[in-house]
Amino acid sequence: MFPELNNLLSTTPDRPEQGKLTLLCDAKTDGSFLVHHFLSFYLKANCKVCFVALVQSFSHYNIVGQKLGVSLTAARERGQLVFLEGLKSSADILFHAQDQEPHPLQFLREASAGNLQSLYEFVQATLNPVDSGETAWKYPVLLVDNLSVLLSLGVGPVAVLDFMQYCRATVCCELKGNIVALVHDNSDAEDEESNILLNGLSHQSHLILRAEGLATGFCKDVHGQLSILWRRSSQPTAQRDRSLTYQYKIQDKNVSFFAKGMSSAVL
């Protein structure tokens, strides 16, 4: 995890918030560093993590995790991490269609890819507590990288929003856990399905982190800017939202954040 980002969010693994949906957005940049931060954060917080990884392989996340001080292999072996490797699973389903055993990505076998019930049931079964002597984790966490991939696989935005609503009801409300999901922000490309998904998730979220590239283009000293929006739905409209914007630089084992205009590389 990145200590500076924890400071900006006023949180630590010792005292994480519960019952929250955090939305990660990336626009014209790679926002995967945010996924790695929250994955390492919740593993260090001793939470039970269900990671639906639709973009990269387990080895990729494990290599980055080791740089951030966590071992995904060890977490998986002790039952703290349940990892759904979407890339490998998708290939197995598409090229072994004769295997009819139920699978979380069952919708890939269907003529109409719009039913994510099997994926929800996988999340529910993974994060529901069991009375079998399993280690008592602090609370459950669902992490999804990347919801936009589901749109590319033929799932409609309404089906994805329904899936997230069910997950939120189970993980956040019933189990008092957290959800973190990454989605691409393609608003500039007039992608209607992406905009429906992004707007729908934004209304459900308690915290939104939006990473975007610099309007001036590439810079070796500043890699982008991060907007942080806290949404407090229980407060009056005038007091509901609070936002801050920082610029950042990605390093090998860390990400540094600074106020806009504090880097000499960007005027």
Protein backbone atom coordinates (compact mmCIF):
# COMPACT_ATOMS: atom_id res chain seq x y z
CA MET A 1 0.00 0.00 0.00
CA PHE A 2 1.02 3.64 -0.34
CA PRO A 3 1.32 5.51 3.00
CA GLU A 4 0.81 8.90 1.37
CA LEU A 5 -2.52 7.79 -0.09
CA ASN A 6 -3.58 6.51 3.32
CA ASN A 7 -2.80 9.94 4.73
CA LEU A 8 -4.91 11.64 2.05
CA LEU A 9 -7.81 9.29 2.81
CA SER A 10 -7.27 9.56 6.59
CA THR A 11 -7.21 5.80 7.06
CA THR A 12 -4.85 3.02 8.13
CA PRO A 13 -5.07 -0.80 8.18
CA ASP A 14 -5.47 -0.56 11.97
CA ARG A 15 -8.71 1.44 11.69
CA PRO A 16 -10.37 0.92 8.29
CA GLU A 17 -13.94 2.00 7.67
CA GLN A 18 -16.68 -0.58 7.08
CA GLY A 19 -19.77 -0.81 4.91
CA LYS A 20 -18.31 1.34 2.12
CA LEU A 21 -18.28 1.12 -1.67
CA THR A 22 -15.16 2.70 -3.17
CA LEU A 23 -15.15 3.41 -6.90
CA LEU A 24 -11.84 3.68 -8.74
CA CYS A 25 -11.90 5.38 -12.16
CA ASP A 26 -9.14 5.83 -14.70
CA ALA A 27 -9.35 8.21 -17.64
CA LYS A 28 -6.65 8.17 -20.32
CA THR A 29 -4.21 6.60 -17.87
CA ASP A 30 -3.59 3.34 -16.00
CA GLY A 31 -5.32 3.33 -12.63
CA SER A 32 -4.12 -0.13 -11.62
CA PHE A 33 -1.85 1.36 -8.93
CA LEU A 34 -5.05 2.13 -6.99
CA VAL A 35 -6.11 -1.53 -7.18
CA HIS A 36 -2.71 -2.67 -5.88
CA HIS A 37 -2.96 -0.17 -3.03
CA PHE A 38 -6.35 -1.38 -1.81
CA LEU A 39 -5.44 -5.05 -2.25
CA SER A 40 -2.34 -4.72 -0.07
CA PHE A 41 -4.22 -2.42 2.35
CA TYR A 42 -6.97 -4.94 3.11
CA LEU A 43 -4.60 -7.89 3.32
CA LYS A 44 -2.54 -5.98 5.89
CA ALA A 45 -5.79 -5.06 7.66
CA ASN A 46 -6.43 -8.82 8.17
CA CYS A 47 -9.60 -8.81 6.06
CA LYS A 48 -11.00 -11.71 4.03
CA VAL A 49 -10.60 -10.65 0.38
CA CYS A 50 -12.43 -11.96 -2.67
CA PHE A 51 -10.53 -10.64 -5.69
CA VAL A 52 -12.29 -10.86 -9.07
CA ALA A 53 -9.35 -10.16 -11.39
CA LEU A 54 -10.47 -9.80 -14.99
CA VAL A 55 -7.41 -7.98 -16.37
CA GLN A 56 -4.13 -9.50 -15.15
CA SER A 57 -2.81 -12.86 -13.99
CA PHE A 58 -2.22 -13.93 -10.40
CA SER A 59 1.54 -13.77 -10.87
CA HIS A 60 1.32 -10.13 -11.96
CA TYR A 61 -0.59 -9.06 -8.85
CA ASN A 62 1.69 -11.19 -6.68
CA ILE A 63 4.86 -9.56 -8.02
CA VAL A 64 3.49 -6.06 -7.40
CA GLY A 65 2.17 -7.14 -4.01
CA GLN A 66 5.61 -8.30 -2.92
CA LYS A 67 6.96 -4.83 -3.70
CA LEU A 68 4.27 -3.43 -1.42
CA GLY A 69 5.03 -5.84 1.41
CA VAL A 70 2.38 -8.53 0.97
CA SER A 71 2.47 -12.06 -0.42
CA LEU A 72 -0.65 -13.03 -2.33
CA THR A 73 0.54 -16.63 -2.43
CA ALA A 74 0.76 -16.81 1.36
CA ALA A 75 -2.59 -15.02 1.73
CA ARG A 76 -4.25 -17.51 -0.61
CA GLU A 77 -2.72 -20.49 1.19
CA ARG A 78 -3.99 -19.36 4.59
CA GLY A 79 -7.48 -18.74 3.19
CA GLN A 80 -7.41 -14.97 3.49
CA LEU A 81 -7.47 -14.36 -0.28
CA VAL A 82 -9.75 -16.03 -2.81
CA PHE A 83 -8.55 -15.14 -6.30
CA LEU A 84 -10.69 -15.54 -9.41
CA GLU A 85 -8.33 -15.34 -12.38
CA GLY A 86 -10.57 -14.11 -15.16
CA LEU A 87 -8.04 -14.44 -17.97
CA LYS A 88 -7.36 -18.11 -17.35
CA SER A 89 -10.97 -18.93 -16.49
CA SER A 90 -12.27 -17.27 -19.65
CA ALA A 91 -9.94 -19.31 -21.83
CA ASP A 92 -10.88 -22.54 -20.07
CA ILE A 93 -14.60 -21.85 -20.52
CA LEU A 94 -14.39 -20.79 -24.16
CA PHE A 95 -12.13 -23.63 -25.28
CA HIS A 96 -13.62 -26.39 -23.10
CA ALA A 97 -17.29 -25.76 -23.72
CA GLN A 98 -18.12 -29.42 -23.17
CA ASP A 99 -17.32 -29.04 -19.48
CA GLN A 100 -20.69 -28.16 -18.00
CA GLU A 101 -19.66 -27.73 -14.35
CA PRO A 102 -20.95 -24.47 -12.82
CA HIS A 103 -18.46 -21.61 -13.00
CA PRO A 104 -18.49 -17.99 -11.72
CA LEU A 105 -18.09 -16.80 -15.32
CA GLN A 106 -20.92 -19.04 -16.51
CA PHE A 107 -22.35 -16.19 -18.64
CA LEU A 108 -19.57 -16.75 -21.20
CA ARG A 109 -21.20 -20.07 -22.13
CA GLU A 110 -24.61 -18.52 -22.67
CA ALA A 111 -25.93 -17.18 -25.94
CA SER A 112 -27.05 -14.01 -24.17
CA ALA A 113 -24.31 -12.80 -21.82
CA GLY A 114 -26.45 -10.87 -19.40
CA ASN A 115 -26.81 -13.00 -16.27
CA LEU A 116 -24.16 -12.52 -13.59
CA GLN A 117 -25.97 -14.62 -11.00
CA SER A 118 -23.24 -17.26 -10.95
CA LEU A 119 -20.59 -14.60 -10.30
CA TYR A 120 -22.66 -13.12 -7.46
CA GLU A 121 -23.18 -16.57 -5.93
CA PHE A 122 -19.40 -17.11 -6.06
CA VAL A 123 -18.82 -13.83 -4.19
CA GLN A 124 -21.53 -14.65 -1.67
CA ALA A 125 -20.21 -18.16 -0.96
CA THR A 126 -16.64 -16.87 -0.68
CA LEU A 127 -17.29 -14.06 1.78
CA ASN A 128 -20.07 -15.53 3.92
CA PRO A 129 -18.62 -16.58 7.30
CA VAL A 130 -18.52 -20.31 8.03
CA ASP A 131 -18.49 -22.19 11.33
CA SER A 132 -15.70 -24.61 10.46
CA GLY A 133 -12.88 -23.26 12.58
CA GLU A 134 -11.74 -20.88 9.85
CA THR A 135 -9.55 -17.96 10.92
CA ALA A 136 -11.66 -15.05 12.14
CA TRP A 137 -10.87 -12.29 9.65
CA LYS A 138 -11.70 -8.69 10.49
CA TYR A 139 -14.42 -8.31 7.81
CA PRO A 140 -15.00 -9.27 4.14
CA VAL A 141 -13.86 -7.25 1.12
CA LEU A 142 -14.77 -7.62 -2.55
CA LEU A 143 -12.25 -6.23 -5.02
CA VAL A 144 -13.00 -6.14 -8.77
CA ASP A 145 -10.50 -5.27 -11.49
CA ASN A 146 -12.03 -4.26 -13.92
CA LEU A 147 -15.79 -3.94 -14.25
CA SER A 148 -15.46 -2.41 -17.72
CA VAL A 149 -14.15 -5.75 -18.97
CA LEU A 150 -17.62 -7.22 -18.40
CA LEU A 151 -18.99 -4.74 -20.95
CA SER A 152 -16.36 -5.92 -23.44
CA LEU A 153 -17.50 -9.50 -22.85
CA GLY A 154 -21.05 -8.65 -23.86
CA VAL A 155 -22.66 -7.98 -20.49
CA GLY A 156 -24.97 -4.96 -20.49
CA PRO A 157 -24.41 -2.06 -18.08
CA VAL A 158 -27.75 -2.67 -16.34
CA ALA A 159 -26.73 -6.28 -15.60
CA VAL A 160 -23.41 -5.10 -14.16
CA LEU A 161 -25.19 -2.51 -12.00
CA ASP A 162 -27.62 -5.18 -10.79
CA PHE A 163 -24.66 -7.41 -9.89
CA MET A 164 -23.02 -4.59 -7.94
CA GLN A 165 -26.28 -3.77 -6.17
CA TYR A 166 -26.64 -7.37 -5.00
CA CYS A 167 -22.99 -7.44 -3.91
CA ARG A 168 -23.41 -4.17 -2.05
CA ALA A 169 -26.50 -5.46 -0.23
CA THR A 170 -24.63 -8.60 0.83
CA VAL A 171 -21.08 -7.37 1.46
CA CYS A 172 -21.63 -3.79 2.66
CA CYS A 173 -25.05 -3.98 4.34
CA GLU A 174 -25.39 -7.56 5.57
CA LEU A 175 -21.75 -8.46 6.30
CA LYS A 176 -20.54 -4.91 7.10
CA GLY A 177 -17.66 -5.29 4.68
CA ASN A 178 -16.30 -3.15 1.84
CA ILE A 179 -16.30 -3.20 -1.96
CA VAL A 180 -13.63 -1.68 -4.20
CA ALA A 181 -14.15 -1.69 -7.97
CA LEU A 182 -12.20 -0.20 -10.87
CA VAL A 183 -13.98 1.06 -13.99
CA HIS A 184 -12.75 2.90 -17.08
CA ASP A 185 -13.96 6.45 -17.58
CA ASN A 186 -14.67 6.76 -21.31
CA SER A 187 -16.90 9.83 -21.08
CA ASP A 188 -14.83 11.69 -23.67
CA ALA A 189 -15.38 8.87 -26.18
CA GLU A 190 -19.19 9.10 -25.95
CA ASP A 191 -19.41 5.44 -24.97
CA GLU A 192 -23.02 5.18 -23.82
CA GLU A 193 -22.70 1.83 -22.03
CA SER A 194 -19.57 2.94 -20.14
CA ASN A 195 -21.26 6.18 -19.15
CA ILE A 196 -24.34 4.35 -17.83
CA LEU A 197 -22.13 2.06 -15.75
CA LEU A 198 -19.93 4.89 -14.45
CA ASN A 199 -22.87 7.16 -13.55
CA GLY A 200 -24.77 4.34 -11.87
CA LEU A 201 -21.79 3.30 -9.75
CA SER A 202 -20.98 6.90 -8.86
CA HIS A 203 -24.41 7.33 -7.30
CA GLN A 204 -23.91 4.20 -5.16
CA SER A 205 -20.36 4.99 -4.02
CA HIS A 206 -19.21 6.48 -0.74
CA LEU A 207 -15.74 7.32 -2.06
CA ILE A 208 -14.60 7.96 -5.64
CA LEU A 209 -10.95 8.09 -6.72
CA ARG A 210 -10.41 9.24 -10.29
CA ALA A 211 -6.96 8.97 -11.87
CA GLU A 212 -6.40 10.79 -15.14
CA GLY A 213 -3.51 11.79 -17.33
CA LEU A 214 -2.25 15.34 -17.55
CA ALA A 215 -4.02 17.57 -20.05
CA THR A 216 -0.58 18.74 -21.21
CA GLY A 217 0.52 15.21 -22.11
CA PHE A 218 3.36 13.00 -20.90
CA CYS A 219 5.71 14.20 -18.19
CA LYS A 220 8.44 12.08 -16.58
CA ASP A 221 8.14 13.81 -13.20
CA VAL A 222 4.34 13.92 -12.92
CA HIS A 223 2.39 10.91 -14.17
CA GLY A 224 -1.14 12.18 -13.65
CA GLN A 225 -3.62 13.67 -11.25
CA LEU A 226 -5.91 12.05 -8.71
CA SER A 227 -9.28 13.47 -7.73
CA ILE A 228 -10.77 12.26 -4.44
CA LEU A 229 -14.49 12.70 -3.83
CA TRP A 230 -16.11 11.85 -0.51
CA ARG A 231 -19.87 11.42 -0.78
CA ARG A 232 -22.02 11.67 2.35
CA SER A 233 -25.56 10.79 1.28
CA SER A 234 -26.96 11.25 4.79
CA GLN A 235 -25.92 14.90 4.95
CA PRO A 236 -27.71 17.95 3.47
CA THR A 237 -26.79 18.60 -0.14
CA ALA A 238 -24.57 21.57 0.71
CA GLN A 239 -22.50 19.41 3.07
CA ARG A 240 -22.71 16.14 1.18
CA ASP A 241 -19.65 16.07 -1.07
CA ARG A 242 -16.05 17.06 -0.47
CA SER A 243 -13.34 16.78 -3.11
CA LEU A 244 -9.58 17.27 -3.35
CA THR A 245 -7.22 16.98 -6.31
CA TYR A 246 -3.55 16.00 -6.23
CA GLN A 247 -0.89 15.17 -8.77
CA TYR A 248 1.16 12.01 -8.42
CA LYS A 249 4.32 10.25 -9.52
CA ILE A 250 4.54 6.45 -9.63
CA GLN A 251 7.79 4.98 -8.34
CA ASP A 252 9.01 1.40 -8.13
CA LYS A 253 7.59 0.65 -4.66
CA ASN A 254 5.61 3.76 -3.88
CA VAL A 255 3.48 6.59 -5.26
CA SER A 256 4.14 10.16 -4.17
CA PHE A 257 1.35 12.75 -4.11
CA PHE A 258 1.59 16.53 -4.07
CA ALA A 259 -0.69 19.51 -4.51
CA LYS A 260 -1.27 20.85 -8.01
CA GLY A 261 1.40 23.32 -9.00
CA MET A 262 3.97 22.06 -6.46
CA SER A 263 6.06 20.29 -9.11
CA SER A 264 8.42 22.40 -11.18
CA ALA A 265 7.79 20.03 -14.09
CA VAL A 266 4.17 21.18 -14.44
CA LEU A 267 3.46 24.90 -14.37
